N, C-alpha and C. Protein backbone atom coordinates (compact mmCIF):
# COMPACT_ATOMS: atom_id res chain seq x y z
N MET A 1 -5.56 -70.58 -6.88
CA MET A 1 -5.93 -69.84 -5.69
C MET A 1 -7.18 -70.48 -5.09
N GLN A 2 -7.10 -70.80 -3.81
CA GLN A 2 -8.22 -71.40 -3.12
C GLN A 2 -8.77 -70.42 -2.10
N ILE A 3 -10.09 -70.39 -1.99
CA ILE A 3 -10.76 -69.54 -1.01
C ILE A 3 -11.34 -70.47 0.05
N SER A 4 -10.99 -70.20 1.29
CA SER A 4 -11.55 -71.03 2.35
C SER A 4 -12.62 -70.23 3.10
N VAL A 5 -13.72 -70.89 3.36
CA VAL A 5 -14.83 -70.26 4.08
C VAL A 5 -14.84 -70.87 5.48
N PRO A 6 -14.82 -69.99 6.53
CA PRO A 6 -14.84 -70.56 7.88
C PRO A 6 -16.17 -71.26 8.16
N ALA A 7 -16.11 -72.29 8.97
CA ALA A 7 -17.32 -73.03 9.33
C ALA A 7 -18.18 -72.16 10.24
N PRO A 8 -19.52 -72.25 10.12
CA PRO A 8 -20.39 -71.46 10.99
C PRO A 8 -20.24 -71.91 12.45
N PRO A 9 -20.42 -70.98 13.39
CA PRO A 9 -20.28 -71.37 14.79
C PRO A 9 -21.37 -72.37 15.17
N PRO A 10 -21.10 -73.24 16.12
CA PRO A 10 -22.11 -74.23 16.52
C PRO A 10 -23.30 -73.53 17.18
N THR A 11 -24.47 -74.05 16.92
CA THR A 11 -25.68 -73.45 17.51
C THR A 11 -25.86 -74.01 18.93
N PRO A 12 -26.26 -73.15 19.87
CA PRO A 12 -26.47 -73.65 21.24
C PRO A 12 -27.68 -74.57 21.28
N PRO A 13 -27.71 -75.51 22.21
CA PRO A 13 -28.88 -76.41 22.30
C PRO A 13 -30.13 -75.62 22.70
N GLN A 14 -31.24 -76.02 22.13
CA GLN A 14 -32.51 -75.35 22.41
C GLN A 14 -33.06 -75.81 23.74
N GLN A 15 -33.54 -74.85 24.54
CA GLN A 15 -34.18 -75.17 25.82
C GLN A 15 -35.67 -75.41 25.59
N PRO A 16 -36.24 -76.42 26.23
CA PRO A 16 -37.69 -76.60 26.08
C PRO A 16 -38.42 -75.43 26.74
N PRO A 17 -39.59 -75.07 26.25
CA PRO A 17 -40.32 -73.95 26.86
C PRO A 17 -40.69 -74.26 28.30
N ALA A 18 -40.64 -73.25 29.11
CA ALA A 18 -40.98 -73.43 30.53
C ALA A 18 -42.47 -73.73 30.67
N GLU A 19 -42.80 -74.64 31.56
CA GLU A 19 -44.20 -75.00 31.78
C GLU A 19 -44.68 -74.38 33.08
N LEU A 20 -45.91 -73.95 33.07
CA LEU A 20 -46.52 -73.43 34.28
C LEU A 20 -46.88 -74.61 35.19
N PRO A 21 -46.85 -74.39 36.49
CA PRO A 21 -47.23 -75.50 37.37
C PRO A 21 -48.69 -75.88 37.17
N LYS A 22 -48.94 -77.14 37.25
CA LYS A 22 -50.31 -77.61 37.06
C LYS A 22 -51.09 -77.42 38.35
N THR A 23 -52.28 -76.88 38.23
CA THR A 23 -53.12 -76.71 39.41
C THR A 23 -54.09 -77.88 39.47
N GLY A 24 -54.28 -78.36 40.65
CA GLY A 24 -55.17 -79.50 40.84
C GLY A 24 -56.24 -79.15 41.84
N PRO A 25 -57.02 -80.12 42.23
CA PRO A 25 -58.11 -79.88 43.17
C PRO A 25 -57.62 -79.35 44.51
N ALA A 26 -56.43 -79.75 44.94
CA ALA A 26 -55.92 -79.29 46.23
C ALA A 26 -55.67 -77.78 46.21
N ASP A 27 -55.16 -77.26 45.09
CA ASP A 27 -54.92 -75.82 44.99
C ASP A 27 -56.22 -75.03 45.03
N ILE A 28 -57.22 -75.53 44.33
CA ILE A 28 -58.52 -74.84 44.31
C ILE A 28 -59.15 -74.89 45.70
N PHE A 29 -59.04 -76.05 46.36
CA PHE A 29 -59.59 -76.18 47.71
C PHE A 29 -58.88 -75.23 48.67
N GLY A 30 -57.56 -75.13 48.56
CA GLY A 30 -56.79 -74.24 49.42
C GLY A 30 -57.18 -72.79 49.23
N ALA A 31 -57.37 -72.36 47.99
CA ALA A 31 -57.78 -70.99 47.73
C ALA A 31 -59.18 -70.73 48.28
N GLY A 32 -60.08 -71.69 48.11
CA GLY A 32 -61.44 -71.54 48.65
C GLY A 32 -61.45 -71.46 50.15
N ALA A 33 -60.60 -72.27 50.79
CA ALA A 33 -60.53 -72.25 52.26
C ALA A 33 -59.99 -70.91 52.75
N ALA A 34 -59.01 -70.35 52.04
CA ALA A 34 -58.45 -69.06 52.44
C ALA A 34 -59.50 -67.96 52.33
N VAL A 35 -60.24 -67.95 51.24
CA VAL A 35 -61.29 -66.92 51.06
C VAL A 35 -62.37 -67.11 52.11
N SER A 36 -62.74 -68.34 52.40
CA SER A 36 -63.77 -68.60 53.40
C SER A 36 -63.35 -68.12 54.78
N SER A 37 -62.08 -68.36 55.15
CA SER A 37 -61.64 -67.92 56.47
C SER A 37 -61.59 -66.41 56.57
N ILE A 38 -61.19 -65.74 55.51
CA ILE A 38 -61.17 -64.27 55.53
C ILE A 38 -62.59 -63.73 55.66
N THR A 39 -63.52 -64.34 54.93
CA THR A 39 -64.92 -63.92 55.01
C THR A 39 -65.48 -64.14 56.41
N ALA A 40 -65.20 -65.29 56.99
CA ALA A 40 -65.71 -65.59 58.33
C ALA A 40 -65.12 -64.63 59.36
N ALA A 41 -63.84 -64.32 59.26
CA ALA A 41 -63.22 -63.39 60.21
C ALA A 41 -63.85 -62.01 60.08
N GLY A 42 -64.11 -61.57 58.86
CA GLY A 42 -64.76 -60.28 58.66
C GLY A 42 -66.17 -60.27 59.23
N TYR A 43 -66.90 -61.35 59.03
CA TYR A 43 -68.26 -61.44 59.55
C TYR A 43 -68.26 -61.35 61.07
N TYR A 44 -67.39 -62.11 61.74
CA TYR A 44 -67.35 -62.09 63.20
C TYR A 44 -66.89 -60.74 63.73
N TRP A 45 -66.01 -60.06 63.02
CA TRP A 45 -65.56 -58.74 63.46
C TRP A 45 -66.72 -57.75 63.39
N VAL A 46 -67.48 -57.78 62.29
CA VAL A 46 -68.63 -56.87 62.14
C VAL A 46 -69.67 -57.18 63.21
N GLN A 47 -69.93 -58.46 63.45
CA GLN A 47 -70.91 -58.82 64.47
C GLN A 47 -70.48 -58.34 65.86
N SER A 48 -69.19 -58.44 66.17
CA SER A 48 -68.73 -57.99 67.48
C SER A 48 -68.89 -56.48 67.63
N ARG A 49 -68.66 -55.74 66.53
CA ARG A 49 -68.85 -54.28 66.59
C ARG A 49 -70.33 -53.95 66.77
N ARG A 50 -71.21 -54.68 66.09
CA ARG A 50 -72.65 -54.43 66.23
C ARG A 50 -73.09 -54.72 67.66
N ASN A 51 -72.62 -55.82 68.23
CA ASN A 51 -72.99 -56.16 69.60
C ASN A 51 -72.49 -55.09 70.57
N LEU A 52 -71.28 -54.61 70.38
CA LEU A 52 -70.73 -53.58 71.25
C LEU A 52 -71.57 -52.30 71.17
N ILE A 53 -71.92 -51.90 69.96
CA ILE A 53 -72.73 -50.68 69.80
C ILE A 53 -74.10 -50.87 70.42
N ASN A 54 -74.71 -52.05 70.25
CA ASN A 54 -76.03 -52.30 70.85
C ASN A 54 -75.96 -52.24 72.38
N ARG A 55 -74.89 -52.81 72.96
CA ARG A 55 -74.76 -52.77 74.41
C ARG A 55 -74.57 -51.35 74.90
N LEU A 56 -73.82 -50.56 74.17
CA LEU A 56 -73.59 -49.17 74.59
C LEU A 56 -74.86 -48.32 74.45
N MET A 57 -75.66 -48.60 73.40
CA MET A 57 -76.86 -47.82 73.17
C MET A 57 -77.97 -48.19 74.15
N ASN A 58 -78.00 -49.41 74.64
CA ASN A 58 -79.09 -49.89 75.48
C ASN A 58 -78.75 -49.83 76.97
N ARG A 59 -77.87 -48.98 77.36
CA ARG A 59 -77.53 -48.85 78.79
C ARG A 59 -78.61 -48.12 79.51
């Protein structure tokens, strides 16, 4: 009497781990430029409101 053992199923190929995109100087510069423009726009908006209030108060 012979006992046959089925062969194990084939293992799927391993995927390499996903890598995060590398950030370089251009990405850092772009983020800094975006923050700077938002800050500048906020500053000019506040200044325009102050000028408007000063003109209205000094009539």
